[in-house]
């Protein structure tokens, strides 16, 4: 398997003992599958990774695009996810949700 061009990290609020807490986990139910399907539909070379807590709870749900190091806040709808993916395709991050 080739190394993907980009990776998207989606905070799932997992803590050291394995329990999921926090806003990211509660508000992203089903998002991982949706992101995967959109990536396939768009023909993008991106790997999606569910992560532990990214320590940005006040901005959650949080999603990070690497290697661009784009951190997005309030990724709480399919509309925002679509806009983030559009930005990846265009090479310009979604400014409204970008954590600066």
N, C-alpha and C. Protein backbone atom coordinates (compact mmCIF):
# COMPACT_ATOMS: atom_id res chain seq x y z
N UNK A 1 0.84 -1.18 0.00
CA UNK A 1 0.00 0.00 0.00
C UNK A 1 0.89 1.25 0.00
N UNK A 2 0.57 2.18 -0.85
CA UNK A 2 1.34 3.43 -0.95
C UNK A 2 1.01 4.36 0.21
N UNK A 3 1.94 5.23 0.50
CA UNK A 3 1.72 6.24 1.54
C UNK A 3 0.76 7.30 0.98
N UNK A 4 -0.30 7.64 1.73
CA UNK A 4 -1.26 8.62 1.23
C UNK A 4 -0.66 10.02 1.11
N UNK A 5 -1.21 10.80 0.21
CA UNK A 5 -0.76 12.17 -0.01
C UNK A 5 -1.06 13.04 1.22
N UNK A 6 -2.20 12.81 1.84
CA UNK A 6 -2.61 13.58 3.02
C UNK A 6 -3.27 12.65 4.03
N UNK A 7 -3.40 13.16 5.24
CA UNK A 7 -4.13 12.46 6.29
C UNK A 7 -5.07 13.45 6.94
N UNK A 8 -6.25 12.96 7.31
CA UNK A 8 -7.20 13.75 8.08
C UNK A 8 -7.35 13.07 9.43
N UNK A 9 -7.07 13.82 10.48
CA UNK A 9 -7.21 13.32 11.85
C UNK A 9 -8.51 13.89 12.42
N UNK A 10 -9.38 13.01 12.88
CA UNK A 10 -10.66 13.42 13.43
C UNK A 10 -10.65 13.09 14.92
N UNK A 11 -10.76 14.13 15.76
CA UNK A 11 -10.75 13.92 17.20
C UNK A 11 -11.96 13.09 17.61
N UNK A 12 -11.70 12.05 18.37
CA UNK A 12 -12.77 11.21 18.90
C UNK A 12 -12.76 11.20 20.43
N UNK A 13 -11.98 12.10 21.01
CA UNK A 13 -11.97 12.36 22.45
C UNK A 13 -11.53 11.19 23.30
N UNK A 14 -10.83 10.21 22.74
CA UNK A 14 -10.40 9.07 23.54
C UNK A 14 -9.36 9.52 24.55
N UNK A 15 -9.50 9.03 25.77
CA UNK A 15 -8.59 9.37 26.86
C UNK A 15 -7.68 8.17 27.15
N UNK A 16 -6.74 8.37 28.04
CA UNK A 16 -5.73 7.36 28.35
C UNK A 16 -6.33 6.01 28.74
N UNK A 17 -7.43 6.00 29.45
CA UNK A 17 -8.03 4.73 29.89
C UNK A 17 -8.99 4.16 28.85
N UNK A 18 -9.08 4.79 27.69
CA UNK A 18 -9.88 4.24 26.61
C UNK A 18 -11.30 4.77 26.50
N UNK A 19 -11.80 5.44 27.53
CA UNK A 19 -13.16 5.93 27.43
C UNK A 19 -13.20 7.19 26.58
N UNK A 20 -14.28 7.36 25.87
CA UNK A 20 -14.41 8.56 25.04
C UNK A 20 -15.25 9.58 25.81
N UNK A 21 -14.76 10.79 25.86
CA UNK A 21 -15.43 11.87 26.55
C UNK A 21 -15.34 13.10 25.67
N UNK A 22 -16.00 14.13 26.07
CA UNK A 22 -15.82 15.40 25.38
C UNK A 22 -16.73 15.62 24.20
N UNK A 23 -16.68 16.83 23.71
CA UNK A 23 -17.58 17.29 22.66
C UNK A 23 -17.31 16.63 21.30
N UNK A 24 -16.06 16.39 20.99
CA UNK A 24 -15.74 15.85 19.66
C UNK A 24 -16.40 14.49 19.44
N UNK A 25 -16.27 13.59 20.38
CA UNK A 25 -16.86 12.26 20.25
C UNK A 25 -18.38 12.34 20.15
N UNK A 26 -18.98 13.18 20.96
CA UNK A 26 -20.44 13.28 21.02
C UNK A 26 -21.04 13.87 19.75
N UNK A 27 -20.31 14.74 19.08
CA UNK A 27 -20.88 15.45 17.93
C UNK A 27 -20.38 14.95 16.58
N UNK A 28 -19.66 13.85 16.53
CA UNK A 28 -19.13 13.38 15.25
C UNK A 28 -19.61 11.97 14.91
N UNK A 29 -20.71 11.55 15.47
CA UNK A 29 -21.24 10.22 15.19
C UNK A 29 -21.53 10.06 13.70
N UNK A 30 -20.90 9.08 13.08
CA UNK A 30 -21.11 8.80 11.66
C UNK A 30 -20.23 9.62 10.73
N UNK A 31 -19.47 10.59 11.25
CA UNK A 31 -18.67 11.45 10.39
C UNK A 31 -17.52 10.71 9.73
N UNK A 32 -16.91 9.77 10.44
CA UNK A 32 -15.77 9.06 9.85
C UNK A 32 -16.18 8.34 8.57
N UNK A 33 -17.29 7.65 8.61
CA UNK A 33 -17.77 6.94 7.42
C UNK A 33 -18.11 7.94 6.32
N UNK A 34 -18.76 9.04 6.67
CA UNK A 34 -19.10 10.05 5.67
C UNK A 34 -17.84 10.62 5.00
N UNK A 35 -16.83 10.94 5.80
CA UNK A 35 -15.58 11.48 5.26
C UNK A 35 -14.92 10.47 4.32
N UNK A 36 -14.86 9.21 4.76
CA UNK A 36 -14.28 8.14 3.92
C UNK A 36 -15.01 8.04 2.58
N UNK A 37 -16.34 8.06 2.61
CA UNK A 37 -17.12 7.94 1.38
C UNK A 37 -16.90 9.13 0.47
N UNK A 38 -16.85 10.34 1.05
CA UNK A 38 -16.61 11.54 0.25
C UNK A 38 -15.22 11.52 -0.40
N UNK A 39 -14.23 11.06 0.35
CA UNK A 39 -12.87 10.96 -0.19
C UNK A 39 -12.84 10.01 -1.38
N UNK A 40 -13.49 8.87 -1.23
CA UNK A 40 -13.55 7.90 -2.34
C UNK A 40 -14.29 8.49 -3.53
N UNK A 41 -15.45 9.12 -3.28
CA UNK A 41 -16.24 9.71 -4.37
C UNK A 41 -15.46 10.79 -5.13
N UNK A 42 -14.63 11.52 -4.41
CA UNK A 42 -13.86 12.61 -5.02
C UNK A 42 -12.54 12.13 -5.61
N UNK A 43 -12.17 10.88 -5.34
CA UNK A 43 -10.92 10.34 -5.86
C UNK A 43 -9.68 10.93 -5.21
N UNK A 44 -9.81 11.32 -3.94
CA UNK A 44 -8.68 11.92 -3.22
C UNK A 44 -7.81 10.84 -2.59
N UNK A 45 -6.52 11.14 -2.47
CA UNK A 45 -5.56 10.22 -1.86
C UNK A 45 -5.33 10.65 -0.41
N UNK A 46 -6.32 10.36 0.44
CA UNK A 46 -6.30 10.79 1.83
C UNK A 46 -6.67 9.63 2.74
N UNK A 47 -5.94 9.49 3.82
CA UNK A 47 -6.24 8.50 4.86
C UNK A 47 -6.94 9.22 6.00
N UNK A 48 -8.01 8.62 6.54
CA UNK A 48 -8.74 9.19 7.67
C UNK A 48 -8.36 8.41 8.92
N UNK A 49 -8.05 9.17 10.00
CA UNK A 49 -7.60 8.55 11.24
C UNK A 49 -8.42 9.11 12.41
N UNK A 50 -9.02 8.23 13.21
CA UNK A 50 -9.69 8.64 14.44
C UNK A 50 -8.61 8.76 15.51
N UNK A 51 -8.62 9.87 16.24
CA UNK A 51 -7.55 10.13 17.20
C UNK A 51 -8.07 10.19 18.63
N UNK A 52 -7.12 10.20 19.52
CA UNK A 52 -7.42 10.54 20.91
C UNK A 52 -7.68 12.03 20.99
N UNK A 53 -7.86 12.52 22.19
CA UNK A 53 -8.15 13.94 22.41
C UNK A 53 -7.03 14.80 21.83
N UNK A 54 -7.41 15.80 21.04
CA UNK A 54 -6.45 16.72 20.45
C UNK A 54 -6.28 17.99 21.29
N UNK A 55 -6.89 18.00 22.47
CA UNK A 55 -6.73 19.08 23.45
C UNK A 55 -7.21 20.44 22.92
N UNK A 56 -8.28 20.41 22.13
CA UNK A 56 -8.90 21.62 21.61
C UNK A 56 -10.40 21.59 21.91
N UNK A 57 -10.76 21.07 23.08
CA UNK A 57 -12.16 20.82 23.42
C UNK A 57 -13.06 22.04 23.23
N UNK A 58 -12.56 23.23 23.57
CA UNK A 58 -13.39 24.43 23.45
C UNK A 58 -13.72 24.77 22.00
N UNK A 59 -12.99 24.19 21.06
CA UNK A 59 -13.21 24.45 19.64
C UNK A 59 -13.87 23.28 18.92
N UNK A 60 -14.17 22.21 19.65
CA UNK A 60 -14.62 20.97 19.04
C UNK A 60 -15.97 21.03 18.38
N UNK A 61 -16.21 20.04 17.57
CA UNK A 61 -15.33 18.96 17.12
C UNK A 61 -14.20 19.48 16.23
N UNK A 62 -13.05 18.83 16.36
CA UNK A 62 -11.83 19.26 15.68
C UNK A 62 -11.38 18.23 14.65
N UNK A 63 -10.88 18.74 13.52
CA UNK A 63 -10.34 17.90 12.46
C UNK A 63 -9.05 18.55 11.98
N UNK A 64 -8.01 17.74 11.72
CA UNK A 64 -6.71 18.26 11.29
C UNK A 64 -6.33 17.62 9.96
N UNK A 65 -5.86 18.45 9.03
CA UNK A 65 -5.39 17.96 7.73
C UNK A 65 -3.87 18.08 7.71
N UNK A 66 -3.19 16.97 7.48
CA UNK A 66 -1.74 16.93 7.39
C UNK A 66 -1.33 16.44 6.01
N UNK A 67 -0.24 16.88 5.44
CA UNK A 67 0.84 17.65 6.05
C UNK A 67 0.63 19.16 6.03
N UNK A 68 -0.56 19.63 5.65
CA UNK A 68 -0.80 21.08 5.57
C UNK A 68 -0.87 21.75 6.94
N UNK A 69 -1.10 20.95 7.98
CA UNK A 69 -1.24 21.45 9.35
C UNK A 69 -2.40 22.43 9.48
N UNK A 70 -3.50 22.11 8.80
CA UNK A 70 -4.73 22.89 8.91
C UNK A 70 -5.56 22.29 10.03
N UNK A 71 -5.87 23.07 11.05
CA UNK A 71 -6.69 22.64 12.19
C UNK A 71 -8.04 23.33 12.06
N UNK A 72 -9.10 22.52 12.02
CA UNK A 72 -10.44 23.06 11.86
C UNK A 72 -11.26 22.86 13.13
N UNK A 73 -12.01 23.91 13.48
CA UNK A 73 -12.89 23.87 14.64
C UNK A 73 -14.34 23.73 14.19
N UNK A 74 -15.18 23.33 15.14
CA UNK A 74 -16.63 23.27 14.92
C UNK A 74 -17.01 22.50 13.65
N UNK A 75 -16.33 21.37 13.45
CA UNK A 75 -16.65 20.51 12.31
C UNK A 75 -17.80 19.61 12.77
N UNK A 76 -19.00 20.18 12.71
CA UNK A 76 -20.16 19.54 13.31
C UNK A 76 -21.29 19.24 12.34
N UNK A 77 -20.99 19.29 11.04
CA UNK A 77 -22.02 18.97 10.05
C UNK A 77 -21.37 18.48 8.75
N UNK A 78 -22.17 17.81 7.96
CA UNK A 78 -21.68 17.34 6.66
C UNK A 78 -21.35 18.52 5.75
N UNK A 79 -22.06 19.64 5.94
CA UNK A 79 -21.79 20.84 5.15
C UNK A 79 -20.38 21.36 5.40
N UNK A 80 -19.97 21.38 6.68
CA UNK A 80 -18.61 21.84 7.01
C UNK A 80 -17.58 20.86 6.47
N UNK A 81 -17.85 19.56 6.62
CA UNK A 81 -16.93 18.55 6.09
C UNK A 81 -16.75 18.72 4.59
N UNK A 82 -17.87 18.90 3.88
CA UNK A 82 -17.79 19.11 2.43
C UNK A 82 -16.94 20.34 2.09
N UNK A 83 -17.11 21.41 2.86
CA UNK A 83 -16.35 22.63 2.61
C UNK A 83 -14.86 22.42 2.90
N UNK A 84 -14.54 21.65 3.94
CA UNK A 84 -13.13 21.33 4.23
C UNK A 84 -12.53 20.53 3.08
N UNK A 85 -13.26 19.53 2.59
CA UNK A 85 -12.77 18.72 1.47
C UNK A 85 -12.65 19.55 0.19
N UNK A 86 -13.59 20.47 -0.02
CA UNK A 86 -13.48 21.38 -1.17
C UNK A 86 -12.19 22.19 -1.06
N UNK A 87 -11.88 22.66 0.14
CA UNK A 87 -10.66 23.43 0.37
C UNK A 87 -9.40 22.62 0.11
N UNK A 88 -9.44 21.35 0.49
CA UNK A 88 -8.30 20.48 0.21
C UNK A 88 -8.10 20.36 -1.29
N UNK A 89 -9.19 20.17 -2.01
CA UNK A 89 -9.09 20.06 -3.48
C UNK A 89 -8.59 21.35 -4.11
N UNK A 90 -9.00 22.51 -3.56
CA UNK A 90 -8.62 23.81 -4.10
C UNK A 90 -7.26 24.30 -3.58
N UNK A 91 -6.76 23.63 -2.53
CA UNK A 91 -5.50 24.07 -1.93
C UNK A 91 -5.64 25.26 -1.01
N UNK A 92 -6.89 25.57 -0.60
CA UNK A 92 -7.15 26.71 0.28
C UNK A 92 -8.04 26.23 1.43
N UNK A 93 -7.60 26.44 2.68
CA UNK A 93 -8.41 25.98 3.80
C UNK A 93 -9.70 26.79 3.97
N UNK A 94 -10.69 26.14 4.56
CA UNK A 94 -11.95 26.79 4.91
C UNK A 94 -11.67 27.78 6.04
N UNK A 95 -11.59 29.05 5.72
CA UNK A 95 -11.15 30.06 6.69
C UNK A 95 -12.09 30.21 7.88
N UNK A 96 -13.40 30.07 7.66
CA UNK A 96 -14.38 30.27 8.74
C UNK A 96 -14.16 29.30 9.91
N UNK A 97 -13.65 28.12 9.63
CA UNK A 97 -13.48 27.11 10.67
C UNK A 97 -12.02 26.83 11.00
N UNK A 98 -11.12 27.59 10.45
CA UNK A 98 -9.69 27.37 10.67
C UNK A 98 -9.29 27.89 12.05
N UNK A 99 -8.58 27.06 12.80
CA UNK A 99 -8.03 27.48 14.09
C UNK A 99 -6.70 28.14 13.80
N UNK A 100 -6.56 29.39 14.24
CA UNK A 100 -5.31 30.12 13.94
C UNK A 100 -4.45 30.27 15.17
